[in-house]
């Protein structure tokens, strides 16, 4: 593989770190007080799920998320933080990439009506998939430094 300036593994690390920064920005801009104290994030998602064109989304949301809104708010917000940190520093990178891919697919299905969300989640899922199969933790990662996932 020929590349300019960096090696192929280093360019993949740039892609992985950029994805991690995207997750960190998603975490940073959330109104944590609103999510944790007033339940705004889960209430918004409940409204979206309640109007969803696919019944399984509405049923699944009502069975899994609605009974435990506070827990789910903490899970979503802290998952985005953990994904971002894991990808930026390259720690447990394959786990973070699979987790991020699954979270983006959940967001994609929930937000099927919102084209702006579709673009973001589609691109993040694609970057996760490429980063996973290209083993983007081979450069600039704690995983590579300690010999994980080689």
C-alpha atoms as a PDB file:
ATOM      1  CA  UNK A   1       0.000   0.000   0.000  1.00  0.00           C
ATOM      2  CA  UNK A   2       1.343   3.393  -0.940  1.00  0.00           C
ATOM      3  CA  UNK A   3       0.329   6.445   1.048  1.00  0.00           C
ATOM      4  CA  UNK A   4       1.393  10.064   1.389  1.00  0.00           C
ATOM      5  CA  UNK A   5       3.025  11.386   4.557  1.00  0.00           C
ATOM      6  CA  UNK A   6       1.922   8.605   6.972  1.00  0.00           C
ATOM      7  CA  UNK A   7       1.869   4.828   6.720  1.00  0.00           C
ATOM      8  CA  UNK A   8      -1.393   2.998   6.038  1.00  0.00           C
ATOM      9  CA  UNK A   9      -1.609   1.929   9.685  1.00  0.00           C
ATOM     10  CA  UNK A  10      -1.085   5.522  10.815  1.00  0.00           C
ATOM     11  CA  UNK A  11      -3.827   6.819   8.481  1.00  0.00           C
ATOM     12  CA  UNK A  12      -6.165   4.200   9.935  1.00  0.00           C
ATOM     13  CA  UNK A  13      -5.216   5.421  13.405  1.00  0.00           C
ATOM     14  CA  UNK A  14      -6.114   8.963  12.301  1.00  0.00           C
ATOM     15  CA  UNK A  15      -9.515   7.661  11.188  1.00  0.00           C
ATOM     16  CA  UNK A  16      -9.994   5.813  14.509  1.00  0.00           C
ATOM     17  CA  UNK A  17      -8.973   8.846  16.571  1.00  0.00           C
ATOM     18  CA  UNK A  18     -11.248  11.099  14.520  1.00  0.00           C
ATOM     19  CA  UNK A  19     -14.153   8.748  15.209  1.00  0.00           C
ATOM     20  CA  UNK A  20     -13.274   8.825  18.898  1.00  0.00           C
ATOM     21  CA  UNK A  21     -13.272  12.620  18.852  1.00  0.00           C
ATOM     22  CA  UNK A  22     -16.689  12.528  17.177  1.00  0.00           C
ATOM     23  CA  UNK A  23     -18.018  10.362  20.048  1.00  0.00           C
ATOM     24  CA  UNK A  24     -16.432  12.705  22.588  1.00  0.00           C
ATOM     25  CA  UNK A  25     -18.125  15.686  20.936  1.00  0.00           C
ATOM     26  CA  UNK A  26     -21.436  13.828  21.039  1.00  0.00           C
ATOM     27  CA  UNK A  27     -20.903  13.324  24.772  1.00  0.00           C
ATOM     28  CA  UNK A  28     -19.627  16.884  25.382  1.00  0.00           C
ATOM     29  CA  UNK A  29     -22.541  18.717  23.827  1.00  0.00           C
ATOM     30  CA  UNK A  30     -25.212  16.744  25.706  1.00  0.00           C
ATOM     31  CA  UNK A  31     -27.036  18.635  28.443  1.00  0.00           C
ATOM     32  CA  UNK A  32     -26.105  16.195  31.213  1.00  0.00           C
ATOM     33  CA  UNK A  33     -28.299  17.912  33.793  1.00  0.00           C
ATOM     34  CA  UNK A  34     -31.234  17.621  31.408  1.00  0.00           C
ATOM     35  CA  UNK A  35     -30.482  13.984  30.640  1.00  0.00           C
ATOM     36  CA  UNK A  36     -29.871  12.900  34.234  1.00  0.00           C
ATOM     37  CA  UNK A  37     -32.197  15.109  36.287  1.00  0.00           C
ATOM     38  CA  UNK A  38     -35.083  15.931  33.950  1.00  0.00           C
ATOM     39  CA  UNK A  39     -34.918  12.910  31.623  1.00  0.00           C
ATOM     40  CA  UNK A  40     -34.924  15.044  28.479  1.00  0.00           C
ATOM     41  CA  UNK A  41     -32.907  12.677  26.287  1.00  0.00           C
ATOM     42  CA  UNK A  42     -34.973   9.588  27.012  1.00  0.00           C
ATOM     43  CA  UNK A  43     -38.231  11.591  26.796  1.00  0.00           C
ATOM     44  CA  UNK A  44     -37.190  12.849  23.354  1.00  0.00           C
ATOM     45  CA  UNK A  45     -36.303   9.314  22.250  1.00  0.00           C
ATOM     46  CA  UNK A  46     -39.625   8.008  23.637  1.00  0.00           C
ATOM     47  CA  UNK A  47     -41.473  10.560  21.518  1.00  0.00           C
ATOM     48  CA  UNK A  48     -39.531   9.468  18.423  1.00  0.00           C
ATOM     49  CA  UNK A  49     -40.055   5.770  19.183  1.00  0.00           C
ATOM     50  CA  UNK A  50     -43.766   6.308  19.865  1.00  0.00           C
ATOM     51  CA  UNK A  51     -44.294   7.691  16.345  1.00  0.00           C
ATOM     52  CA  UNK A  52     -41.988   5.199  14.627  1.00  0.00           C
ATOM     53  CA  UNK A  53     -43.166   3.555  11.412  1.00  0.00           C
ATOM     54  CA  UNK A  54     -41.803   0.178  12.512  1.00  0.00           C
ATOM     55  CA  UNK A  55     -43.787  -1.347  15.352  1.00  0.00           C
ATOM     56  CA  UNK A  56     -40.869  -3.392  16.675  1.00  0.00           C
ATOM     57  CA  UNK A  57     -38.999  -0.155  17.461  1.00  0.00           C
ATOM     58  CA  UNK A  58     -41.904   1.202  19.507  1.00  0.00           C
ATOM     59  CA  UNK A  59     -42.426  -2.129  21.300  1.00  0.00           C
ATOM     60  CA  UNK A  60     -38.715  -2.591  21.948  1.00  0.00           C
ATOM     61  CA  UNK A  61     -38.340   0.927  23.329  1.00  0.00           C
ATOM     62  CA  UNK A  62     -41.339   0.468  25.612  1.00  0.00           C
ATOM     63  CA  UNK A  63     -40.044  -2.860  26.906  1.00  0.00           C
ATOM     64  CA  UNK A  64     -36.360  -2.016  27.336  1.00  0.00           C
ATOM     65  CA  UNK A  65     -35.941   1.741  27.784  1.00  0.00           C
ATOM     66  CA  UNK A  66     -39.173   3.207  29.201  1.00  0.00           C
ATOM     67  CA  UNK A  67     -39.205   1.109  32.409  1.00  0.00           C
ATOM     68  CA  UNK A  68     -35.718   2.378  33.336  1.00  0.00           C
ATOM     69  CA  UNK A  69     -35.270   5.908  31.949  1.00  0.00           C
ATOM     70  CA  UNK A  70     -32.666   7.107  34.466  1.00  0.00           C
ATOM     71  CA  UNK A  71     -30.475   4.022  33.983  1.00  0.00           C
ATOM     72  CA  UNK A  72     -30.748   4.277  30.194  1.00  0.00           C
ATOM     73  CA  UNK A  73     -29.805   7.962  30.283  1.00  0.00           C
ATOM     74  CA  UNK A  74     -26.632   7.078  32.181  1.00  0.00           C
ATOM     75  CA  UNK A  75     -25.925   4.148  29.828  1.00  0.00           C
ATOM     76  CA  UNK A  76     -26.234   6.282  26.675  1.00  0.00           C
ATOM     77  CA  UNK A  77     -24.248   9.260  27.940  1.00  0.00           C
ATOM     78  CA  UNK A  78     -21.475   7.228  29.524  1.00  0.00           C
ATOM     79  CA  UNK A  79     -21.290   4.826  26.565  1.00  0.00           C
ATOM     80  CA  UNK A  80     -20.520   7.775  24.289  1.00  0.00           C
ATOM     81  CA  UNK A  81     -17.803   8.947  26.690  1.00  0.00           C
ATOM     82  CA  UNK A  82     -16.285   5.452  26.981  1.00  0.00           C
ATOM     83  CA  UNK A  83     -16.346   4.950  23.211  1.00  0.00           C
ATOM     84  CA  UNK A  84     -14.668   8.285  22.612  1.00  0.00           C
ATOM     85  CA  UNK A  85     -11.924   7.724  25.166  1.00  0.00           C
ATOM     86  CA  UNK A  86     -11.323   4.127  24.086  1.00  0.00           C
ATOM     87  CA  UNK A  87     -10.961   5.077  20.429  1.00  0.00           C
ATOM     88  CA  UNK A  88      -8.815   8.166  20.980  1.00  0.00           C
ATOM     89  CA  UNK A  89      -6.275   6.367  23.159  1.00  0.00           C
ATOM     90  CA  UNK A  90      -6.731   3.026  21.413  1.00  0.00           C
ATOM     91  CA  UNK A  91      -7.646   0.965  24.465  1.00  0.00           C
ATOM     92  CA  UNK A  92      -9.823  -2.118  23.926  1.00  0.00           C
ATOM     93  CA  UNK A  93     -10.245  -0.724  20.445  1.00  0.00           C
ATOM     94  CA  UNK A  94     -12.083  -3.662  18.812  1.00  0.00           C
ATOM     95  CA  UNK A  95     -14.559  -3.672  21.704  1.00  0.00           C
ATOM     96  CA  UNK A  96     -15.096   0.080  21.339  1.00  0.00           C
ATOM     97  CA  UNK A  97     -15.513  -0.222  17.568  1.00  0.00           C
ATOM     98  CA  UNK A  98     -18.117  -2.996  17.848  1.00  0.00           C
ATOM     99  CA  UNK A  99     -19.913  -1.118  20.646  1.00  0.00           C
ATOM    100  CA  UNK A 100     -19.918   2.093  18.624  1.00  0.00           C
ATOM    101  CA  UNK A 101     -21.139   0.280  15.532  1.00  0.00           C
ATOM    102  CA  UNK A 102     -24.040  -1.224  17.495  1.00  0.00           C
ATOM    103  CA  UNK A 103     -24.913   2.109  19.103  1.00  0.00           C
ATOM    104  CA  UNK A 104     -24.858   3.860  15.724  1.00  0.00           C
ATOM    105  CA  UNK A 105     -27.092   1.154  14.247  1.00  0.00           C
ATOM    106  CA  UNK A 106     -29.541   1.599  17.147  1.00  0.00           C
ATOM    107  CA  UNK A 107     -29.526   5.365  16.578  1.00  0.00           C
ATOM    108  CA  UNK A 108     -29.925   4.811  12.840  1.00  0.00           C
ATOM    109  CA  UNK A 109     -32.985   2.605  13.284  1.00  0.00           C
ATOM    110  CA  UNK A 110     -34.552   4.891  15.896  1.00  0.00           C
ATOM    111  CA  UNK A 111     -33.994   8.010  13.789  1.00  0.00           C
ATOM    112  CA  UNK A 112     -35.046   6.491  10.449  1.00  0.00           C
ATOM    113  CA  UNK A 113     -37.123   9.638   9.681  1.00  0.00           C
ATOM    114  CA  UNK A 114     -34.324  12.175  10.315  1.00  0.00           C
ATOM    115  CA  UNK A 115     -32.011  12.496   7.294  1.00  0.00           C
ATOM    116  CA  UNK A 116     -29.391  14.536   9.174  1.00  0.00           C
ATOM    117  CA  UNK A 117     -29.086  11.836  11.817  1.00  0.00           C
ATOM    118  CA  UNK A 118     -28.972   9.159   9.122  1.00  0.00           C
ATOM    119  CA  UNK A 119     -25.908  10.729   7.535  1.00  0.00           C
ATOM    120  CA  UNK A 120     -24.007  11.060  10.798  1.00  0.00           C
ATOM    121  CA  UNK A 121     -24.832   7.596  12.076  1.00  0.00           C
ATOM    122  CA  UNK A 122     -24.250   5.986   8.699  1.00  0.00           C
ATOM    123  CA  UNK A 123     -20.796   7.544   8.376  1.00  0.00           C
ATOM    124  CA  UNK A 124     -19.849   6.721  11.966  1.00  0.00           C
ATOM    125  CA  UNK A 125     -20.961   3.102  11.433  1.00  0.00           C
ATOM    126  CA  UNK A 126     -18.936   2.886   8.201  1.00  0.00           C
ATOM    127  CA  UNK A 127     -15.826   4.294   9.911  1.00  0.00           C
ATOM    128  CA  UNK A 128     -16.293   1.778  12.744  1.00  0.00           C
ATOM    129  CA  UNK A 129     -16.539  -1.096  10.283  1.00  0.00           C
ATOM    130  CA  UNK A 130     -13.475  -0.025   8.268  1.00  0.00           C
ATOM    131  CA  UNK A 131     -11.489   0.642  11.439  1.00  0.00           C
ATOM    132  CA  UNK A 132     -12.430  -2.752  12.842  1.00  0.00           C
ATOM    133  CA  UNK A 133     -11.622  -4.841   9.764  1.00  0.00           C
ATOM    134  CA  UNK A 134      -8.455  -2.858   9.006  1.00  0.00           C
ATOM    135  CA  UNK A 135      -7.321  -3.302  12.646  1.00  0.00           C
ATOM    136  CA  UNK A 136      -6.836   0.420  13.227  1.00  0.00           C
ATOM    137  CA  UNK A 137      -5.269  -0.204  16.642  1.00  0.00           C
ATOM    138  CA  UNK A 138      -1.946  -1.231  15.044  1.00  0.00           C
ATOM    139  CA  UNK A 139      -0.569   2.314  15.366  1.00  0.00           C
ATOM    140  CA  UNK A 140      -0.820   5.017  18.001  1.00  0.00           C
ATOM    141  CA  UNK A 141      -2.769   2.922  20.504  1.00  0.00           C
ATOM    142  CA  UNK A 142      -2.415   1.540  24.000  1.00  0.00           C
ATOM    143  CA  UNK A 143      -3.511  -1.806  22.566  1.00  0.00           C
ATOM    144  CA  UNK A 144      -0.425  -1.895  20.309  1.00  0.00           C
ATOM    145  CA  UNK A 145       1.834  -0.697  23.143  1.00  0.00           C
ATOM    146  CA  UNK A 146       0.802  -3.520  25.444  1.00  0.00           C
ATOM    147  CA  UNK A 147       0.392  -6.151  22.735  1.00  0.00           C
ATOM    148  CA  UNK A 148      -3.400  -6.569  22.777  1.00  0.00           C
ATOM    149  CA  UNK A 149      -5.309  -7.792  19.712  1.00  0.00           C
ATOM    150  CA  UNK A 150      -2.246  -8.350  17.524  1.00  0.00           C
END
